[in-house]
Amino acid sequence: MIKVSEILAIEVIKGFKARFIHTENTTLGYWEVEKGAVLPMHRHLHEQITQVEEGEFQLTIDGKTETYLKGMVAVIPSNVEHGGVAITDCKLFDIFSPVREDYKKLK
């Protein structure tokens, strides 16, 4: 059993703190995001699924911008440019496949 609340939160970029669980094939990310925090546009080789658990998050995927609310899910294909901004304080849940080896190295 894993208790997410007992995993050390790491500030990955300013205003984005995450707790990670790594399995053989995926990385799960539990994010707490401060209002106004910006996720710069970027891309990676991982498929990403993002669900808003609390708050409002404006996400741009492949040039299309939408505001996501609690319960909404975004699917971001591998190597597609994306980024966003927290409209309010947010809690986000990400699934990455394959495993984010770069996130395993964060302390």
PDB file of N, CA and C in Angstrom:
ATOM      1  N   MET A   1       0.848  -1.182   0.000  1.00  0.00           N
ATOM      2  CA  MET A   1       0.000   0.000   0.000  1.00  0.00           C
ATOM      3  C   MET A   1       0.889   1.240   0.000  1.00  0.00           C
ATOM      4  N   ILE A   2       0.464   2.226  -0.760  1.00  0.00           N
ATOM      5  CA  ILE A   2       1.177   3.501  -0.839  1.00  0.00           C
ATOM      6  C   ILE A   2       0.251   4.605  -0.352  1.00  0.00           C
ATOM      7  N   LYS A   3       0.732   5.426   0.572  1.00  0.00           N
ATOM      8  CA  LYS A   3      -0.015   6.597   1.024  1.00  0.00           C
ATOM      9  C   LYS A   3       0.614   7.817   0.372  1.00  0.00           C
ATOM     10  N   VAL A   4      -0.097   8.397  -0.582  1.00  0.00           N
ATOM     11  CA  VAL A   4       0.428   9.542  -1.326  1.00  0.00           C
ATOM     12  C   VAL A   4       0.826  10.663  -0.380  1.00  0.00           C
ATOM     13  N   SER A   5       0.057  10.872   0.666  1.00  0.00           N
ATOM     14  CA  SER A   5       0.339  11.962   1.606  1.00  0.00           C
ATOM     15  C   SER A   5       1.685  11.797   2.322  1.00  0.00           C
ATOM     16  N   GLU A   6       2.228  10.588   2.320  1.00  0.00           N
ATOM     17  CA  GLU A   6       3.507  10.339   2.993  1.00  0.00           C
ATOM     18  C   GLU A   6       4.709  10.457   2.055  1.00  0.00           C
ATOM     19  N   ILE A   7       4.460  10.678   0.770  1.00  0.00           N
ATOM     20  CA  ILE A   7       5.539  10.850  -0.195  1.00  0.00           C
ATOM     21  C   ILE A   7       6.013  12.304  -0.132  1.00  0.00           C
ATOM     22  N   LEU A   8       7.318  12.501  -0.135  1.00  0.00           N
ATOM     23  CA  LEU A   8       7.902  13.837  -0.095  1.00  0.00           C
ATOM     24  C   LEU A   8       7.512  14.622  -1.346  1.00  0.00           C
ATOM     25  N   ALA A   9       6.963  15.816  -1.165  1.00  0.00           N
ATOM     26  CA  ALA A   9       6.618  16.696  -2.287  1.00  0.00           C
ATOM     27  C   ALA A   9       7.878  17.427  -2.749  1.00  0.00           C
ATOM     28  N   ILE A  10       8.059  17.472  -4.074  1.00  0.00           N
ATOM     29  CA  ILE A  10       9.232  18.095  -4.673  1.00  0.00           C
ATOM     30  C   ILE A  10       8.769  19.232  -5.575  1.00  0.00           C
ATOM     31  N   GLU A  11       9.379  20.416  -5.422  1.00  0.00           N
ATOM     32  CA  GLU A  11       9.051  21.515  -6.332  1.00  0.00           C
ATOM     33  C   GLU A  11       9.828  21.300  -7.625  1.00  0.00           C
ATOM     34  N   VAL A  12       9.120  20.918  -8.676  1.00  0.00           N
ATOM     35  CA  VAL A  12       9.741  20.600  -9.959  1.00  0.00           C
ATOM     36  C   VAL A  12      10.051  21.869 -10.736  1.00  0.00           C
ATOM     37  N   ILE A  13       9.093  22.782 -10.792  1.00  0.00           N
ATOM     38  CA  ILE A  13       9.316  24.137 -11.289  1.00  0.00           C
ATOM     39  C   ILE A  13       8.564  25.067 -10.350  1.00  0.00           C
ATOM     40  N   LYS A  14       8.872  26.351 -10.415  1.00  0.00           N
ATOM     41  CA  LYS A  14       8.283  27.306  -9.476  1.00  0.00           C
ATOM     42  C   LYS A  14       6.751  27.197  -9.471  1.00  0.00           C
ATOM     43  N   GLY A  15       6.208  26.930  -8.280  1.00  0.00           N
ATOM     44  CA  GLY A  15       4.771  26.844  -8.092  1.00  0.00           C
ATOM     45  C   GLY A  15       4.155  25.485  -8.375  1.00  0.00           C
ATOM     46  N   PHE A  16       4.964  24.507  -8.807  1.00  0.00           N
ATOM     47  CA  PHE A  16       4.494  23.155  -9.109  1.00  0.00           C
ATOM     48  C   PHE A  16       5.210  22.150  -8.208  1.00  0.00           C
ATOM     49  N   LYS A  17       4.502  21.653  -7.196  1.00  0.00           N
ATOM     50  CA  LYS A  17       5.054  20.641  -6.299  1.00  0.00           C
ATOM     51  C   LYS A  17       4.370  19.314  -6.584  1.00  0.00           C
ATOM     52  N   ALA A  18       5.170  18.242  -6.604  1.00  0.00           N
ATOM     53  CA  ALA A  18       4.606  16.938  -6.974  1.00  0.00           C
ATOM     54  C   ALA A  18       5.104  15.834  -6.059  1.00  0.00           C
ATOM     55  N   ARG A  19       4.263  14.813  -5.965  1.00  0.00           N
ATOM     56  CA  ARG A  19       4.607  13.546  -5.336  1.00  0.00           C
ATOM     57  C   ARG A  19       4.517  12.495  -6.442  1.00  0.00           C
ATOM     58  N   PHE A  20       5.546  11.660  -6.576  1.00  0.00           N
ATOM     59  CA  PHE A  20       5.597  10.704  -7.683  1.00  0.00           C
ATOM     60  C   PHE A  20       5.574   9.260  -7.197  1.00  0.00           C
ATOM     61  N   ILE A  21       4.900   8.434  -7.997  1.00  0.00           N
ATOM     62  CA  ILE A  21       4.946   6.983  -7.847  1.00  0.00           C
ATOM     63  C   ILE A  21       5.374   6.442  -9.202  1.00  0.00           C
ATOM     64  N   HIS A  22       6.388   5.586  -9.194  1.00  0.00           N
ATOM     65  CA  HIS A  22       6.898   4.998 -10.428  1.00  0.00           C
ATOM     66  C   HIS A  22       6.613   3.499 -10.422  1.00  0.00           C
ATOM     67  N   THR A  23       6.003   3.018 -11.502  1.00  0.00           N
ATOM     68  CA  THR A  23       5.794   1.581 -11.674  1.00  0.00           C
ATOM     69  C   THR A  23       6.729   1.118 -12.785  1.00  0.00           C
ATOM     70  N   GLU A  24       6.571  -0.099 -13.218  1.00  0.00           N
ATOM     71  CA  GLU A  24       7.428  -0.603 -14.282  1.00  0.00           C
ATOM     72  C   GLU A  24       7.220   0.171 -15.587  1.00  0.00           C
ATOM     73  N   ASN A  25       5.980   0.584 -15.863  1.00  0.00           N
ATOM     74  CA  ASN A  25       5.670   1.194 -17.151  1.00  0.00           C
ATOM     75  C   ASN A  25       5.124   2.618 -17.103  1.00  0.00           C
ATOM     76  N   THR A  26       4.829   3.123 -15.911  1.00  0.00           N
ATOM     77  CA  THR A  26       4.223   4.449 -15.808  1.00  0.00           C
ATOM     78  C   THR A  26       4.800   5.238 -14.638  1.00  0.00           C
ATOM     79  N   THR A  27       4.585   6.540 -14.708  1.00  0.00           N
ATOM     80  CA  THR A  27       4.838   7.428 -13.574  1.00  0.00           C
ATOM     81  C   THR A  27       3.533   8.141 -13.268  1.00  0.00           C
ATOM     82  N   LEU A  28       3.151   8.137 -12.003  1.00  0.00           N
ATOM     83  CA  LEU A  28       1.978   8.866 -11.532  1.00  0.00           C
ATOM     84  C   LEU A  28       2.480  10.124 -10.828  1.00  0.00           C
ATOM     85  N   GLY A  29       1.864  11.255 -11.136  1.00  0.00           N
ATOM     86  CA  GLY A  29       2.245  12.517 -10.512  1.00  0.00           C
ATOM     87  C   GLY A  29       1.048  13.174  -9.865  1.00  0.00           C
ATOM     88  N   TYR A  30       1.171  13.484  -8.585  1.00  0.00           N
ATOM     89  CA  TYR A  30       0.133  14.167  -7.812  1.00  0.00           C
ATOM     90  C   TYR A  30       0.655  15.578  -7.555  1.00  0.00           C
ATOM     91  N   TRP A  31       0.063  16.560  -8.241  1.00  0.00           N
ATOM     92  CA  TRP A  31       0.584  17.928  -8.255  1.00  0.00           C
ATOM     93  C   TRP A  31      -0.268  18.871  -7.421  1.00  0.00           C
ATOM     94  N   GLU A  32       0.399  19.761  -6.717  1.00  0.00           N
ATOM     95  CA  GLU A  32      -0.229  20.919  -6.081  1.00  0.00           C
ATOM     96  C   GLU A  32       0.372  22.135  -6.771  1.00  0.00           C
ATOM     97  N   VAL A  33      -0.494  22.949  -7.372  1.00  0.00           N
ATOM     98  CA  VAL A  33      -0.033  24.054  -8.203  1.00  0.00           C
ATOM     99  C   VAL A  33      -0.586  25.358  -7.645  1.00  0.00           C
ATOM    100  N   GLU A  34       0.298  26.339  -7.489  1.00  0.00           N
ATOM    101  CA  GLU A  34      -0.105  27.646  -6.973  1.00  0.00           C
ATOM    102  C   GLU A  34      -0.760  28.489  -8.058  1.00  0.00           C
ATOM    103  N   LYS A  35      -1.762  29.253  -7.661  1.00  0.00           N
ATOM    104  CA  LYS A  35      -2.437  30.183  -8.572  1.00  0.00           C
ATOM    105  C   LYS A  35      -1.390  31.042  -9.281  1.00  0.00           C
ATOM    106  N   GLY A  36      -1.517  31.156 -10.595  1.00  0.00           N
ATOM    107  CA  GLY A  36      -0.607  31.979 -11.379  1.00  0.00           C
ATOM    108  C   GLY A  36       0.657  31.279 -11.836  1.00  0.00           C
ATOM    109  N   ALA A  37       0.924  30.073 -11.329  1.00  0.00           N
ATOM    110  CA  ALA A  37       2.131  29.347 -11.727  1.00  0.00           C
ATOM    111  C   ALA A  37       2.035  28.965 -13.205  1.00  0.00           C
ATOM    112  N   VAL A  38       3.144  29.101 -13.915  1.00  0.00           N
ATOM    113  CA  VAL A  38       3.187  28.872 -15.354  1.00  0.00           C
ATOM    114  C   VAL A  38       4.004  27.622 -15.673  1.00  0.00           C
ATOM    115  N   LEU A  39       3.403  26.757 -16.476  1.00  0.00           N
ATOM    116  CA  LEU A  39       4.103  25.604 -17.031  1.00  0.00           C
ATOM    117  C   LEU A  39       4.533  26.000 -18.442  1.00  0.00           C
ATOM    118  N   PRO A  40       5.831  26.261 -18.655  1.00  0.00           N
ATOM    119  CA  PRO A  40       6.282  26.700 -19.976  1.00  0.00           C
ATOM    120  C   PRO A  40       5.952  25.661 -21.054  1.00  0.00           C
ATOM    121  N   MET A  41       5.786  26.129 -22.265  1.00  0.00           N
ATOM    122  CA  MET A  41       5.543  25.225 -23.383  1.00  0.00           C
ATOM    123  C   MET A  41       6.740  24.280 -23.515  1.00  0.00           C
ATOM    124  N   HIS A  42       6.447  23.005 -23.698  1.00  0.00           N
ATOM    125  CA  HIS A  42       7.485  21.986 -23.802  1.00  0.00           C
ATOM    126  C   HIS A  42       6.910  20.748 -24.475  1.00  0.00           C
ATOM    127  N   ARG A  43       7.765  19.790 -24.722  1.00  0.00           N
ATOM    128  CA  ARG A  43       7.326  18.505 -25.260  1.00  0.00           C
ATOM    129  C   ARG A  43       8.259  17.432 -24.712  1.00  0.00           C
ATOM    130  N   HIS A  44       7.767  16.205 -24.684  1.00  0.00           N
ATOM    131  CA  HIS A  44       8.567  15.060 -24.238  1.00  0.00           C
ATOM    132  C   HIS A  44       8.073  13.819 -24.944  1.00  0.00           C
ATOM    133  N   LEU A  45       8.838  12.756 -24.850  1.00  0.00           N
ATOM    134  CA  LEU A  45       8.504  11.529 -25.566  1.00  0.00           C
ATOM    135  C   LEU A  45       7.459  10.679 -24.846  1.00  0.00           C
ATOM    136  N   HIS A  46       6.977  11.150 -23.716  1.00  0.00           N
ATOM    137  CA  HIS A  46       6.001  10.403 -22.924  1.00  0.00           C
ATOM    138  C   HIS A  46       4.580  10.788 -23.309  1.00  0.00           C
ATOM    139  N   GLU A  47       3.692   9.807 -23.383  1.00  0.00           N
ATOM    140  CA  GLU A  47       2.273  10.115 -23.453  1.00  0.00           C
ATOM    141  C   GLU A  47       1.872  10.585 -22.058  1.00  0.00           C
ATOM    142  N   GLN A  48       0.996  11.576 -21.989  1.00  0.00           N
ATOM    143  CA  GLN A  48       0.591  12.138 -20.701  1.00  0.00           C
ATOM    144  C   GLN A  48      -0.915  12.256 -20.640  1.00  0.00           C
ATOM    145  N   ILE A  49      -1.475  11.847 -19.517  1.00  0.00           N
ATOM    146  CA  ILE A  49      -2.895  12.025 -19.243  1.00  0.00           C
ATOM    147  C   ILE A  49      -2.978  12.875 -17.988  1.00  0.00           C
ATOM    148  N   THR A  50      -3.711  13.981 -18.064  1.00  0.00           N
ATOM    149  CA  THR A  50      -3.819  14.909 -16.938  1.00  0.00           C
ATOM    150  C   THR A  50      -5.276  15.080 -16.549  1.00  0.00           C
ATOM    151  N   GLN A  51      -5.544  14.944 -15.252  1.00  0.00           N
ATOM    152  CA  GLN A  51      -6.893  15.178 -14.732  1.00  0.00           C
ATOM    153  C   GLN A  51      -6.831  16.274 -13.683  1.00  0.00           C
ATOM    154  N   VAL A  52      -7.775  17.213 -13.758  1.00  0.00           N
ATOM    155  CA  VAL A  52      -7.882  18.248 -12.734  1.00  0.00           C
ATOM    156  C   VAL A  52      -8.694  17.687 -11.575  1.00  0.00           C
ATOM    157  N   GLU A  53      -8.090  17.674 -10.405  1.00  0.00           N
ATOM    158  CA  GLU A  53      -8.754  17.192  -9.193  1.00  0.00           C
ATOM    159  C   GLU A  53      -9.434  18.335  -8.437  1.00  0.00           C
ATOM    160  N   GLU A  54      -8.802  19.527  -8.484  1.00  0.00           N
ATOM    161  CA  GLU A  54      -9.351  20.733  -7.848  1.00  0.00           C
ATOM    162  C   GLU A  54      -8.870  21.939  -8.623  1.00  0.00           C
ATOM    163  N   GLY A  55      -9.697  22.983  -8.679  1.00  0.00           N
ATOM    164  CA  GLY A  55      -9.290  24.249  -9.270  1.00  0.00           C
ATOM    165  C   GLY A  55      -9.532  24.339 -10.767  1.00  0.00           C
ATOM    166  N   GLU A  56      -8.874  25.346 -11.365  1.00  0.00           N
ATOM    167  CA  GLU A  56      -8.976  25.615 -12.800  1.00  0.00           C
ATOM    168  C   GLU A  56      -7.573  25.736 -13.372  1.00  0.00           C
ATOM    169  N   PHE A  57      -7.338  25.029 -14.465  1.00  0.00           N
ATOM    170  CA  PHE A  57      -6.028  25.053 -15.111  1.00  0.00           C
ATOM    171  C   PHE A  57      -6.217  25.286 -16.595  1.00  0.00           C
ATOM    172  N   GLN A  58      -5.566  26.320 -17.122  1.00  0.00           N
ATOM    173  CA  GLN A  58      -5.628  26.610 -18.553  1.00  0.00           C
ATOM    174  C   GLN A  58      -4.475  25.877 -19.239  1.00  0.00           C
ATOM    175  N   LEU A  59      -4.819  24.995 -20.159  1.00  0.00           N
ATOM    176  CA  LEU A  59      -3.836  24.132 -20.797  1.00  0.00           C
ATOM    177  C   LEU A  59      -3.866  24.359 -22.302  1.00  0.00           C
ATOM    178  N   THR A  60      -2.685  24.521 -22.881  1.00  0.00           N
ATOM    179  CA  THR A  60      -2.547  24.638 -24.323  1.00  0.00           C
ATOM    180  C   THR A  60      -1.872  23.373 -24.824  1.00  0.00           C
ATOM    181  N   ILE A  61      -2.537  22.682 -25.755  1.00  0.00           N
ATOM    182  CA  ILE A  61      -2.009  21.448 -26.336  1.00  0.00           C
ATOM    183  C   ILE A  61      -2.004  21.620 -27.846  1.00  0.00           C
ATOM    184  N   ASP A  62      -0.822  21.549 -28.429  1.00  0.00           N
ATOM    185  CA  ASP A  62      -0.681  21.637 -29.883  1.00  0.00           C
ATOM    186  C   ASP A  62      -1.365  22.901 -30.428  1.00  0.00           C
ATOM    187  N   GLY A  63      -1.207  24.018 -29.708  1.00  0.00           N
ATOM    188  CA  GLY A  63      -1.728  25.302 -30.152  1.00  0.00           C
ATOM    189  C   GLY A  63      -3.167  25.595 -29.774  1.00  0.00           C
ATOM    190  N   LYS A  64      -3.874  24.648 -29.181  1.00  0.00           N
ATOM    191  CA  LYS A  64      -5.277  24.848 -28.791  1.00  0.00           C
ATOM    192  C   LYS A  64      -5.362  25.024 -27.274  1.00  0.00           C
ATOM    193  N   THR A  65      -5.940  26.143 -26.814  1.00  0.00           N
ATOM    194  CA  THR A  65      -6.023  26.460 -25.398  1.00  0.00           C
ATOM    195  C   THR A  65      -7.440  26.240 -24.884  1.00  0.00           C
ATOM    196  N   GLU A  66      -7.528  25.524 -23.748  1.00  0.00           N
ATOM    197  CA  GLU A  66      -8.814  25.296 -23.087  1.00  0.00           C
ATOM    198  C   GLU A  66      -8.618  25.388 -21.585  1.00  0.00           C
ATOM    199  N   THR A  67      -9.693  25.751 -20.882  1.00  0.00           N
ATOM    200  CA  THR A  67      -9.657  25.776 -19.426  1.00  0.00           C
ATOM    201  C   THR A  67     -10.275  24.478 -18.907  1.00  0.00           C
ATOM    202  N   TYR A  68      -9.521  23.800 -18.065  1.00  0.00           N
ATOM    203  CA  TYR A  68      -9.945  22.522 -17.500  1.00  0.00           C
ATOM    204  C   TYR A  68     -10.381  22.734 -16.055  1.00  0.00           C
ATOM    205  N   LEU A  69     -11.494  22.125 -15.699  1.00  0.00           N
ATOM    206  CA  LEU A  69     -12.065  22.203 -14.359  1.00  0.00           C
ATOM    207  C   LEU A  69     -12.051  20.817 -13.727  1.00  0.00           C
ATOM    208  N   LYS A  70     -12.430  20.763 -12.457  1.00  0.00           N
ATOM    209  CA  LYS A  70     -12.459  19.505 -11.716  1.00  0.00           C
ATOM    210  C   LYS A  70     -13.167  18.409 -12.523  1.00  0.00           C
ATOM    211  N   GLY A  71     -12.489  17.255 -12.634  1.00  0.00           N
ATOM    212  CA  GLY A  71     -13.058  16.109 -13.316  1.00  0.00           C
ATOM    213  C   GLY A  71     -12.766  16.053 -14.803  1.00  0.00           C
ATOM    214  N   MET A  72     -12.182  17.093 -15.355  1.00  0.00           N
ATOM    215  CA  MET A  72     -11.862  17.110 -16.789  1.00  0.00           C
ATOM    216  C   MET A  72     -10.485  16.483 -17.012  1.00  0.00           C
ATOM    217  N   VAL A  73     -10.349  15.810 -18.164  1.00  0.00           N
ATOM    218  CA  VAL A  73      -9.129  15.074 -18.485  1.00  0.00           C
ATOM    219  C   VAL A  73      -8.591  15.538 -19.837  1.00  0.00           C
ATOM    220  N   ALA A  74      -7.271  15.696 -19.907  1.00  0.00           N
ATOM    221  CA  ALA A  74      -6.581  15.995 -21.158  1.00  0.00           C
ATOM    222  C   ALA A  74      -5.656  14.838 -21.494  1.00  0.00           C
ATOM    223  N   VAL A  75      -5.653  14.439 -22.750  1.00  0.00           N
ATOM    224  CA  VAL A  75      -4.723  13.417 -23.231  1.00  0.00           C
ATOM    225  C   VAL A  75      -3.721  14.122 -24.140  1.00  0.00           C
ATOM    226  N   ILE A  76      -2.451  14.023 -23.769  1.00  0.00           N
ATOM    227  CA  ILE A  76      -1.389  14.699 -24.504  1.00  0.00           C
ATOM    228  C   ILE A  76      -0.509  13.623 -25.148  1.00  0.00           C
ATOM    229  N   PRO A  77      -0.586  13.507 -26.466  1.00  0.00           N
ATOM    230  CA  PRO A  77       0.227  12.487 -27.134  1.00  0.00           C
ATOM    231  C   PRO A  77       1.727  12.765 -26.989  1.00  0.00           C
ATOM    232  N   SER A  78       2.499  11.742 -27.201  1.00  0.00           N
ATOM    233  CA  SER A  78       3.950  11.851 -27.178  1.00  0.00           C
ATOM    234  C   SER A  78       4.426  12.918 -28.149  1.00  0.00           C
ATOM    235  N   ASN A  79       5.391  13.728 -27.698  1.00  0.00           N
ATOM    236  CA  ASN A  79       6.084  14.722 -28.513  1.00  0.00           C
ATOM    237  C   ASN A  79       5.194  15.850 -29.034  1.00  0.00           C
ATOM    238  N   VAL A  80       4.059  16.112 -28.367  1.00  0.00           N
ATOM    239  CA  VAL A  80       3.195  17.234 -28.728  1.00  0.00           C
ATOM    240  C   VAL A  80       3.460  18.385 -27.755  1.00  0.00           C
ATOM    241  N   GLU A  81       3.666  19.582 -28.292  1.00  0.00           N
ATOM    242  CA  GLU A  81       3.967  20.741 -27.457  1.00  0.00           C
ATOM    243  C   GLU A  81       2.762  21.106 -26.589  1.00  0.00           C
ATOM    244  N   HIS A  82       3.034  21.400 -25.311  1.00  0.00           N
ATOM    245  CA  HIS A  82       1.970  21.762 -24.375  1.00  0.00           C
ATOM    246  C   HIS A  82       2.545  22.598 -23.229  1.00  0.00           C
ATOM    247  N   GLY A  83       1.655  23.332 -22.564  1.00  0.00           N
ATOM    248  CA  GLY A  83       2.020  24.154 -21.416  1.00  0.00           C
ATOM    249  C   GLY A  83       0.742  24.741 -20.842  1.00  0.00           C
ATOM    250  N   GLY A  84       0.875  25.479 -19.742  1.00  0.00           N
ATOM    251  CA  GLY A  84      -0.344  26.019 -19.152  1.00  0.00           C
ATOM    252  C   GLY A  84      -0.089  26.978 -18.018  1.00  0.00           C
ATOM    253  N   VAL A  85      -1.191  27.386 -17.411  1.00  0.00           N
ATOM    254  CA  VAL A  85      -1.133  28.301 -16.271  1.00  0.00           C
ATOM    255  C   VAL A  85      -2.277  27.959 -15.320  1.00  0.00           C
ATOM    256  N   ALA A  86      -1.985  28.033 -14.025  1.00  0.00           N
ATOM    257  CA  ALA A  86      -2.997  27.785 -12.997  1.00  0.00           C
ATOM    258  C   ALA A  86      -3.837  29.041 -12.815  1.00  0.00           C
ATOM    259  N   ILE A  87      -5.120  28.944 -13.137  1.00  0.00           N
ATOM    260  CA  ILE A  87      -6.038  30.068 -12.956  1.00  0.00           C
ATOM    261  C   ILE A  87      -6.337  30.251 -11.467  1.00  0.00           C
ATOM    262  N   THR A  88      -6.420  29.140 -10.749  1.00  0.00           N
ATOM    263  CA  THR A  88      -6.598  29.123  -9.292  1.00  0.00           C
ATOM    264  C   THR A  88      -5.568  28.158  -8.721  1.00  0.00           C
ATOM    265  N   ASP A  89      -5.488  28.048  -7.402  1.00  0.00           N
ATOM    266  CA  ASP A  89      -4.725  26.947  -6.825  1.00  0.00           C
ATOM    267  C   ASP A  89      -5.336  25.660  -7.371  1.00  0.00           C
ATOM    268  N   CYS A  90      -4.497  24.707  -7.730  1.00  0.00           N
ATOM    269  CA  CYS A  90      -4.982  23.480  -8.379  1.00  0.00           C
ATOM    270  C   CYS A  90      -4.358  22.236  -7.760  1.00  0.00           C
ATOM    271  N   LYS A  91      -5.068  21.149  -7.926  1.00  0.00           N
ATOM    272  CA  LYS A  91      -4.513  19.813  -7.717  1.00  0.00           C
ATOM    273  C   LYS A  91      -4.731  19.066  -9.016  1.00  0.00           C
ATOM    274  N   LEU A  92      -3.634  18.555  -9.571  1.00  0.00           N
ATOM    275  CA  LEU A  92      -3.661  17.823 -10.824  1.00  0.00           C
ATOM    276  C   LEU A  92      -3.124  16.423 -10.615  1.00  0.00           C
ATOM    277  N   PHE A  93      -3.592  15.498 -11.422  1.00  0.00           N
ATOM    278  CA  PHE A  93      -3.105  14.123 -11.393  1.00  0.00           C
ATOM    279  C   PHE A  93      -2.648  13.761 -12.797  1.00  0.00           C
ATOM    280  N   ASP A  94      -1.384  13.346 -12.922  1.00  0.00           N
ATOM    281  CA  ASP A  94      -0.821  12.969 -14.216  1.00  0.00           C
ATOM    282  C   ASP A  94      -0.460  11.493 -14.243  1.00  0.00           C
ATOM    283  N   ILE A  95      -0.618  10.919 -15.424  1.00  0.00           N
ATOM    284  CA  ILE A  95      -0.091   9.587 -15.720  1.00  0.00           C
ATOM    285  C   ILE A  95       0.813   9.753 -16.931  1.00  0.00           C
ATOM    286  N   PHE A  96       2.051   9.281 -16.821  1.00  0.00           N
ATOM    287  CA  PHE A  96       3.006   9.322 -17.916  1.00  0.00           C
ATOM    288  C   PHE A  96       3.385   7.898 -18.302  1.00  0.00           C
ATOM    289  N   SER A  97       3.508   7.665 -19.602  1.00  0.00           N
ATOM    290  CA  SER A  97       3.984   6.379 -20.088  1.00  0.00           C
ATOM    291  C   SER A  97       4.900   6.651 -21.274  1.00  0.00           C
ATOM    292  N   PRO A  98       6.115   6.093 -21.279  1.00  0.00           N
ATOM    293  CA  PRO A  98       6.703   5.230 -20.257  1.00  0.00           C
ATOM    294  C   PRO A  98       7.117   6.028 -19.017  1.00  0.00           C
ATOM    295  N   VAL A  99       7.782   5.365 -18.102  1.00  0.00           N
ATOM    296  CA  VAL A  99       8.220   5.957 -16.844  1.00  0.00           C
ATOM    297  C   VAL A  99       9.052   7.216 -17.103  1.00  0.00           C
ATOM    298  N   ARG A 100       8.850   8.236 -16.277  1.00  0.00           N
ATOM    299  CA  ARG A 100       9.649   9.461 -16.333  1.00  0.00           C
ATOM    300  C   ARG A 100      10.926   9.249 -15.530  1.00  0.00           C
ATOM    301  N   GLU A 101      11.963   8.773 -16.189  1.00  0.00           N
ATOM    302  CA  GLU A 101      13.240   8.528 -15.514  1.00  0.00           C
ATOM    303  C   GLU A 101      13.802   9.825 -14.944  1.00  0.00           C
ATOM    304  N   ASP A 102      13.551  10.965 -15.606  1.00  0.00           N
ATOM    305  CA  ASP A 102      14.038  12.251 -15.104  1.00  0.00           C
ATOM    306  C   ASP A 102      13.402  12.600 -13.760  1.00  0.00           C
ATOM    307  N   TYR A 103      12.143  12.238 -13.553  1.00  0.00           N
ATOM    308  CA  TYR A 103      11.490  12.523 -12.288  1.00  0.00           C
ATOM    309  C   TYR A 103      11.977  11.596 -11.174  1.00  0.00           C
ATOM    310  N   LYS A 104      12.459  10.423 -11.514  1.00  0.00           N
ATOM    311  CA  LYS A 104      13.020   9.520 -10.509  1.00  0.00           C
ATOM    312  C   LYS A 104      14.250  10.132  -9.844  1.00  0.00           C
ATOM    313  N   LYS A 105      14.952  10.995 -10.576  1.00  0.00           N
ATOM    314  CA  LYS A 105      16.212  11.571 -10.088  1.00  0.00           C
ATOM    315  C   LYS A 105      16.017  12.797  -9.196  1.00  0.00           C
ATOM    316  N   LEU A 106      14.788  13.341  -9.155  1.00  0.00           N
ATOM    317  CA  LEU A 106      14.533  14.542  -8.372  1.00  0.00           C
ATOM    318  C   LEU A 106      14.517  14.225  -6.883  1.00  0.00           C
ATOM    319  N   LYS A 107      15.063  15.120  -6.121  1.00  0.00           N
ATOM    320  CA  LYS A 107      15.090  14.964  -4.644  1.00  0.00           C
ATOM    321  C   LYS A 107      14.625  16.228  -3.984  1.00  0.00           C
TER     322      LYS A 107
END
